Protein backbone atom coordinates (compact mmCIF):
# COMPACT_ATOMS: atom_id res chain seq x y z
CA MET A 1 0.00 0.00 0.00
CA ARG A 2 2.98 2.30 0.33
CA SER A 3 3.73 4.82 -2.40
CA GLU A 4 7.30 4.74 -3.71
CA SER A 5 7.32 8.20 -5.30
CA ALA A 6 10.10 10.42 -4.02
CA GLY A 7 9.61 13.63 -2.07
CA ARG A 8 10.80 17.04 -3.12
CA LEU A 9 11.96 20.13 -1.32
CA GLY A 10 8.86 22.15 -0.63
CA VAL A 11 8.03 25.09 1.57
CA LEU A 12 10.96 26.44 3.55
CA LEU A 13 10.25 28.01 6.89
CA VAL A 14 12.96 29.79 8.89
CA VAL A 15 12.37 30.09 12.60
CA ILE A 16 14.14 30.46 15.91
CA LEU A 17 12.52 27.59 17.75
CA PRO A 18 10.91 28.14 21.18
CA THR A 19 10.87 25.32 23.70
CA TRP A 20 7.99 25.53 26.19
CA GLY A 21 8.42 29.30 26.18
CA ILE A 22 12.22 29.10 26.41
CA LEU A 23 14.56 29.48 23.45
CA ALA A 24 16.39 26.19 23.12
CA GLY A 25 19.95 26.53 21.94
CA CYS A 26 19.44 30.23 21.34
CA ASP A 27 22.61 32.20 20.77
CA PHE A 28 22.27 35.76 19.63
CA GLY A 29 25.93 35.78 18.65
CA GLY A 30 25.08 34.11 15.35
CA GLY A 31 25.28 30.40 16.24
CA GLY A 32 22.80 27.93 17.66
CA GLN A 33 19.87 29.32 15.68
CA LYS A 34 17.75 26.81 13.85
CA LEU A 35 16.65 26.65 10.27
CA GLN A 36 13.68 24.47 9.33
CA LEU A 37 13.45 22.80 5.94
CA LYS A 38 10.15 21.26 4.88
CA TYR A 39 10.05 18.47 2.33
CA ASP A 40 6.86 17.52 0.48
CA ARG A 41 5.88 13.87 0.76
CA PRO A 42 3.18 11.76 -0.90
CA ALA A 43 0.67 9.80 1.15
CA GLN A 44 2.25 6.63 2.54
CA TYR A 45 -0.87 4.61 1.70
CA GLU A 46 -2.41 4.46 -1.75
CA ILE A 47 -5.88 5.88 -1.20
CA PRO A 48 -7.94 5.65 -4.45
CA GLU A 49 -8.08 8.93 -6.35
CA ARG A 50 -11.88 8.79 -6.47
CA ILE A 51 -11.88 9.27 -2.69
CA ARG A 52 -12.16 13.05 -2.57
CA ILE A 53 -14.84 14.06 -0.08
CA LEU A 54 -14.18 13.09 3.54
CA GLY A 55 -16.36 13.14 6.61
CA ILE A 56 -14.73 13.09 10.05
CA ALA A 57 -16.80 11.66 12.88
CA GLU A 58 -16.41 12.58 16.53
CA PHE A 59 -13.86 10.26 18.06
CA GLY A 60 -15.05 8.25 21.03
CA GLY A 61 -13.57 7.37 24.40
CA GLN A 62 -14.38 5.39 27.54
CA GLY A 63 -14.87 8.16 30.07
CA HIS A 64 -15.82 11.82 30.14
CA GLN A 65 -12.21 12.98 29.81
CA GLU A 66 -11.51 10.65 26.89
CA VAL A 67 -14.68 11.80 25.12
CA LYS A 68 -13.36 15.35 25.51
CA TRP A 69 -10.01 14.38 24.05
CA GLY A 70 -11.78 12.45 21.31
CA GLU A 71 -13.55 15.61 20.19
CA ILE A 72 -10.24 17.46 20.28
CA ALA A 73 -8.58 14.72 18.20
CA SER A 74 -11.34 15.04 15.59
CA ASP A 75 -10.86 18.80 15.45
CA ARG A 76 -7.08 18.48 15.17
CA LEU A 77 -7.44 15.92 12.38
CA ALA A 78 -9.77 18.21 10.45
CA SER A 79 -7.40 21.14 10.98
CA GLN A 80 -4.30 19.27 9.79
CA LEU A 81 -6.05 17.81 6.76
CA ASP A 82 -7.52 21.18 5.87
CA ALA A 83 -4.08 22.80 5.99
CA TYR A 84 -2.61 20.19 3.64
CA ASN A 85 -5.67 20.24 1.40
CA LYS A 86 -5.11 23.94 0.77
CA GLN A 87 -1.58 23.13 -0.33
CA PHE A 88 -2.03 19.82 -2.16
CA ASN A 89 -5.74 19.95 -3.11
CA ARG A 90 -6.21 16.25 -2.35
CA TYR A 91 -9.46 16.14 -0.36
CA GLN A 92 -12.57 18.11 0.44
CA LEU A 93 -13.76 18.04 4.04
CA VAL A 94 -17.41 18.16 5.05
CA ASP A 95 -17.89 20.73 7.78
CA ARG A 96 -18.07 18.80 11.04
CA LYS A 97 -20.95 20.86 12.46
CA ARG A 98 -22.95 20.28 9.30
CA LEU A 99 -22.11 16.58 9.40
CA LYS A 100 -23.31 16.33 13.00
CA ALA A 101 -26.53 18.19 12.13
CA VAL A 102 -27.21 15.81 9.24
CA LEU A 103 -26.63 12.76 11.43
CA ASP A 104 -28.76 14.21 14.22
CA GLU A 105 -31.66 14.55 11.79
CA GLN A 106 -31.40 10.81 11.13
CA ASP A 107 -30.99 10.06 14.83
CA ILE A 108 -27.45 8.74 14.28
CA GLN A 109 -24.77 9.41 16.88
CA ALA A 110 -21.91 11.58 15.68
CA ALA A 111 -19.42 9.19 17.32
CA PHE A 112 -19.24 5.55 16.26
CA SER A 113 -16.71 2.77 16.14
CA ASP A 114 -17.77 0.27 13.48
CA SER A 115 -17.75 0.17 9.69
CA ALA A 116 -21.48 -0.43 9.28
CA LYS A 117 -22.37 2.81 11.03
CA ALA A 118 -19.55 4.65 9.28
CA VAL A 119 -20.84 3.59 5.86
CA GLN A 120 -24.42 4.43 6.84
CA ALA A 121 -23.36 7.89 8.02
CA GLY A 122 -21.21 8.39 4.93
CA LYS A 123 -24.11 7.66 2.58
CA ILE A 124 -26.38 10.07 4.44
CA ALA A 125 -23.68 12.78 4.35
CA HIS A 126 -22.84 12.07 0.67
CA VAL A 127 -19.12 11.59 1.26
CA ASP A 128 -16.65 9.23 -0.38
CA ALA A 129 -15.08 8.07 2.88
CA MET A 130 -15.67 8.37 6.60
CA ILE A 131 -12.94 8.68 9.20
CA TYR A 132 -13.67 7.66 12.78
CA GLY A 133 -11.79 6.39 15.81
CA ASN A 134 -11.29 6.51 19.54
CA VAL A 135 -8.89 7.96 22.08
CA ASN A 136 -7.36 6.48 25.20
CA VAL A 137 -5.32 8.67 27.56
CA THR A 138 -3.42 8.02 30.78
CA ALA A 139 -1.84 10.59 33.10
CA ARG A 140 -0.29 9.89 36.48
CA ASP A 141 2.21 11.45 38.85
CA GLU A 142 4.55 9.72 41.25
CA GLN A 143 6.68 11.26 44.00
CA ILE A 144 10.23 9.98 43.82
CA THR A 145 13.41 10.58 45.78
CA LYS A 146 16.86 10.71 44.24
CA THR A 147 20.26 10.91 45.87
CA THR A 148 22.52 13.51 44.27
CA VAL A 149 25.89 15.05 45.01
CA ASP A 150 25.78 18.11 47.27
CA VAL A 151 28.70 20.17 45.95
CA LEU A 152 28.40 22.97 48.51
CA ASN A 153 28.45 20.65 51.55
CA GLN A 154 30.75 18.10 49.91
CA GLY A 155 28.40 15.22 50.48
CA VAL A 156 25.17 13.79 49.16
CA LYS A 157 21.58 14.89 49.54
CA GLU A 158 18.12 13.57 48.79
CA VAL A 159 16.02 15.46 46.27
CA HIS A 160 12.27 14.97 46.10
CA ARG A 161 10.61 15.45 42.76
CA THR A 162 7.53 14.59 40.74
CA LYS A 163 7.72 11.97 38.03
CA ARG A 164 5.02 12.50 35.39
CA TYR A 165 3.89 9.86 32.93
CA VAL A 166 1.39 10.60 30.15
CA MET A 167 0.20 8.37 27.32
CA ALA A 168 -2.15 9.07 24.43
CA ALA A 169 -3.31 6.35 22.04
CA VAL A 170 -5.51 7.18 19.08
CA THR A 171 -7.01 4.66 16.65
CA PHE A 172 -7.99 5.98 13.22
CA THR A 173 -10.07 4.15 10.62
CA ILE A 174 -11.03 5.35 7.14
CA ASP A 175 -13.81 3.46 5.34
CA ASP A 176 -14.75 3.62 1.67
CA VAL A 177 -18.47 4.44 1.64
CA GLU A 178 -19.07 3.05 -1.88
CA THR A 179 -17.47 -0.36 -1.31
CA SER A 180 -17.98 -0.56 2.48
CA LYS A 181 -14.33 -1.59 2.76
CA THR A 182 -11.81 -0.29 5.26
CA LEU A 183 -9.04 1.58 3.45
CA ALA A 184 -6.74 1.90 6.46
CA THR A 185 -6.63 1.50 10.20
CA VAL A 186 -3.83 3.19 12.11
CA SER A 187 -3.13 2.88 15.83
CA ALA A 188 -0.82 5.66 16.97
CA THR A 189 0.62 5.87 20.49
CA ARG A 190 2.79 8.52 22.06
CA GLU A 191 4.24 8.59 25.56
CA TYR A 192 5.82 11.17 27.81
CA ASP A 193 7.94 10.22 30.81
CA SER A 194 9.61 13.07 32.66
CA GLU A 195 12.43 10.75 33.72
CA LYS A 196 13.24 9.32 30.31
CA THR A 197 14.34 10.41 26.87
CA ASP A 198 13.29 7.65 24.53
CA ALA A 199 13.60 7.69 20.74
CA ASN A 200 10.15 6.12 20.48
CA ALA A 201 8.51 8.53 22.88
CA SER A 202 7.26 12.04 22.31
CA LYS A 203 9.71 14.82 21.49
CA ILE A 204 8.43 16.58 24.60
CA ALA A 205 10.47 14.21 26.77
CA SER A 206 13.67 15.22 24.99
CA VAL A 207 12.79 18.90 25.27
CA THR A 208 12.01 18.89 28.99
CA LYS A 209 15.11 16.80 29.66
CA LEU A 210 17.20 19.26 27.64
CA ILE A 211 16.12 22.35 29.54
CA GLY A 212 16.08 20.65 32.94
CA VAL A 213 12.36 20.91 33.63
CA GLY A 214 11.29 18.75 36.55
CA GLY A 215 9.42 18.60 39.82
CA SER A 216 6.66 21.19 40.07
CA ASN A 217 7.94 22.86 36.88
CA LEU A 218 6.79 20.01 34.64
CA PRO A 219 4.41 20.87 31.80
CA ALA A 220 0.75 20.39 32.77
CA SER A 221 -0.71 16.97 31.95
CA ASP A 222 -3.37 18.49 29.67
CA GLN A 223 -0.68 20.39 27.78
CA ILE A 224 1.25 17.17 27.27
CA ILE A 225 -1.83 15.18 26.21
CA SER A 226 -2.67 17.87 23.67
CA GLN A 227 0.80 17.64 22.14
CA LEU A 228 0.75 13.83 22.10
CA ILE A 229 -2.59 13.80 20.30
CA ASP A 230 -1.20 16.24 17.72
CA GLU A 231 1.68 13.82 17.10
CA CYS A 232 -0.73 10.88 16.72
CA VAL A 233 -2.87 12.86 14.28
CA ALA A 234 0.21 13.83 12.25
CA GLU A 235 1.16 10.15 11.97
CA PHE A 236 -2.26 9.26 10.54
CA VAL A 237 -2.38 12.24 8.18
CA ALA A 238 0.98 11.18 6.73
CA LYS A 239 -0.54 7.79 5.89
CA ILE A 240 -3.49 9.05 3.87
CA SER A 241 -2.55 12.52 2.60
CA PRO A 242 0.28 14.34 0.87
CA HIS A 243 2.11 16.12 3.65
CA GLN A 244 5.37 17.66 4.75
CA ILE A 245 8.20 16.52 6.96
CA VAL A 246 10.38 19.00 8.79
CA GLU A 247 14.16 18.83 9.07
CA THR A 248 15.81 21.23 11.52
CA GLU A 249 19.45 22.22 11.28
CA THR A 250 21.39 24.28 13.80
CA LEU A 251 23.73 26.88 12.35
CA HIS A 252 27.18 27.34 13.89
CA LYS A 253 29.32 30.36 14.74
CA GLY A 254 32.36 29.39 12.72
CA LYS A 255 35.70 31.08 13.14
CA SER A 256 34.88 34.58 11.95
CA GLU A 257 32.33 37.35 12.18
CA ALA A 258 31.54 36.75 8.52
CA VAL A 259 29.93 33.41 9.43
CA LYS A 260 27.74 35.00 12.09
CA THR A 261 26.60 37.67 9.66
CA ALA A 262 25.97 35.05 6.96
CA ASN A 263 23.84 33.08 9.40
CA LYS A 264 21.68 36.13 10.07
CA LEU A 265 21.21 36.61 6.34
CA ALA A 266 20.33 32.95 5.82
CA LEU A 267 17.73 33.11 8.60
CA THR A 268 16.02 36.01 6.83
CA GLY A 269 16.07 34.25 3.46
CA ASP A 270 18.88 36.29 1.87
CA TYR A 271 20.59 33.14 0.65
CA ALA A 272 22.71 34.51 -2.20
CA GLU A 273 24.25 37.20 0.02
CA ALA A 274 24.75 34.65 2.80
CA LEU A 275 26.59 32.32 0.41
CA ASP A 276 28.97 35.09 -0.63
CA LEU A 277 29.88 35.69 3.02
CA TYR A 278 30.27 31.98 3.76
CA LYS A 279 32.66 31.65 0.82
CA THR A 280 34.63 34.66 2.05
CA ALA A 281 34.85 33.12 5.52
CA ILE A 282 35.94 29.74 4.14
CA ALA A 283 38.60 31.37 1.94
CA ALA A 284 40.04 33.04 5.05
CA HIS A 285 39.77 29.86 7.15
CA PRO A 286 39.78 26.78 4.88
CA ASP A 287 39.62 24.50 7.93
CA ASP A 288 36.40 26.09 9.26
CA HIS A 289 34.13 23.05 9.03
CA GLU A 290 31.32 24.93 10.76
CA ALA A 291 31.27 27.60 8.06
CA ILE A 292 31.33 24.88 5.39
CA PHE A 293 28.40 23.10 7.04
CA ASP A 294 26.38 26.32 7.36
CA CYS A 295 27.07 26.97 3.71
CA GLY A 296 25.64 23.53 2.94
CA VAL A 297 22.48 24.29 4.92
CA THR A 298 21.99 27.43 2.86
CA TYR A 299 22.46 25.53 -0.39
CA GLU A 300 19.86 23.01 0.81
CA ALA A 301 17.47 25.83 1.65
CA MET A 302 17.84 27.01 -1.94
CA GLY A 303 17.09 23.53 -3.26
CA LYS A 304 20.66 23.04 -4.52
CA LEU A 305 21.04 19.60 -3.01
CA GLY A 306 24.14 18.63 -5.00
CA GLU A 307 26.08 21.65 -3.71
CA ALA A 308 24.72 21.03 -0.20
CA GLU A 309 25.99 17.45 -0.31
CA LYS A 310 29.49 18.60 -1.30
CA CYS A 311 29.60 20.96 1.68
CA TYR A 312 28.25 18.37 4.12
CA ASP A 313 30.72 15.78 2.83
CA LYS A 314 33.66 18.15 3.16
CA ALA A 315 32.64 19.25 6.67
CA PHE A 316 32.18 15.64 7.79
CA LYS A 317 35.61 14.59 6.52
CA MET A 318 37.15 17.48 8.46
CA GLU A 319 35.17 16.80 11.64
CA PRO A 320 33.10 13.57 11.74
CA LYS A 321 30.11 14.97 13.63
CA ASP A 322 26.83 13.07 13.62
CA GLN A 323 25.03 16.24 12.52
CA TYR A 324 27.19 16.48 9.40
CA LEU A 325 26.75 12.78 8.64
CA HIS A 326 22.96 12.90 8.97
CA ALA A 327 22.72 16.01 6.78
CA ARG A 328 24.86 14.40 4.09
CA LYS A 329 22.74 11.26 4.14
CA ARG A 330 19.52 13.29 3.96
CA VAL A 331 20.45 15.25 0.85
CA ARG A 332 21.85 12.15 -0.83
CA VAL A 333 18.50 10.43 -0.40
CA GLU A 334 16.60 13.50 -1.59
CA ASN A 335 18.95 14.07 -4.51
CA ALA A 336 18.60 10.48 -5.64
CA GLY A 337 14.83 10.76 -5.71
CA SER A 338 14.33 14.10 -7.46
CA ALA A 339 16.07 16.78 -9.45
CA GLU A 340 17.20 19.88 -7.62
CA LYS A 341 14.27 22.21 -7.08
CA ALA A 342 14.14 25.49 -5.22
CA PRO A 343 11.60 25.90 -2.39
CA THR A 344 8.20 27.08 -3.55
CA THR A 345 8.11 29.82 -0.91
CA ALA A 346 10.29 31.18 1.84
CA ALA A 347 9.27 32.93 5.02
CA SER A 348 10.93 34.15 8.15
CA GLU A 349 9.57 34.27 11.67
């Protein structure tokens, strides 16, 4: 069911990323600022082209709180699909309030969990496919005690803190109304554990670990659940719709003021001028692998993946950093799948 068509470099967005209200890795001296590159991707599943009009039911849940989060998941799904539909023109969404009103007239609940009801609702609403699902959330706190080194008193001390665990699991199903067949079912789960940083868990865990948030300063459970549901929704949307993936690269200071100035220009989208300064900086310091890498990021932002690969390769051979290696691998994969293409738009924030 997976589509093999390659992605292309799409919308480029330049931002200085906030982290729970705190700038992560922010360095106003010209390094540590982050540049986001967005690559267009096809749907991972092959949904028939005749499926154009979608209805999104209210997602269900076991208790009052899960019903609330189910409604939120439905809204987030509609919002994400609508955003991509404006860009890729793949689907049309039936307004959810209108859908509920139509179902109410037929005395059909707006939330359901089986194909028969989904197909029935879809025929009444005159849609090509219905999406429905359910949400399960868990949130719990535990008081823990840890022994740490007391530098001031040259001993050890016990520190009491709150350990917070949050899980959100969302099941999505899309049914073809005409054939009554299920096109896809996706079960997405995301977890947050304030004491762990797990590659399979939510990015929130990495963020809070990075900035040292803990104890009573932990993000609120509802805030975490909201983010986890967003991540689950994004996973499902990527299965059925053209979408974008985001790659974030951190720019470095380099060995000269020219690099810092070039970074500022790159962050505002002045790529040609930034490249001139990077080249000047590299000519003055041929061993400045950070300047060479930043130059590669700018080439990638321009869609010049071949030139970006050369810079990443050169920087990696000078200094074998994981960041350089991953960037080189990324553009090699992208370059193999599509010709160089400049971003469709550029914006700064």
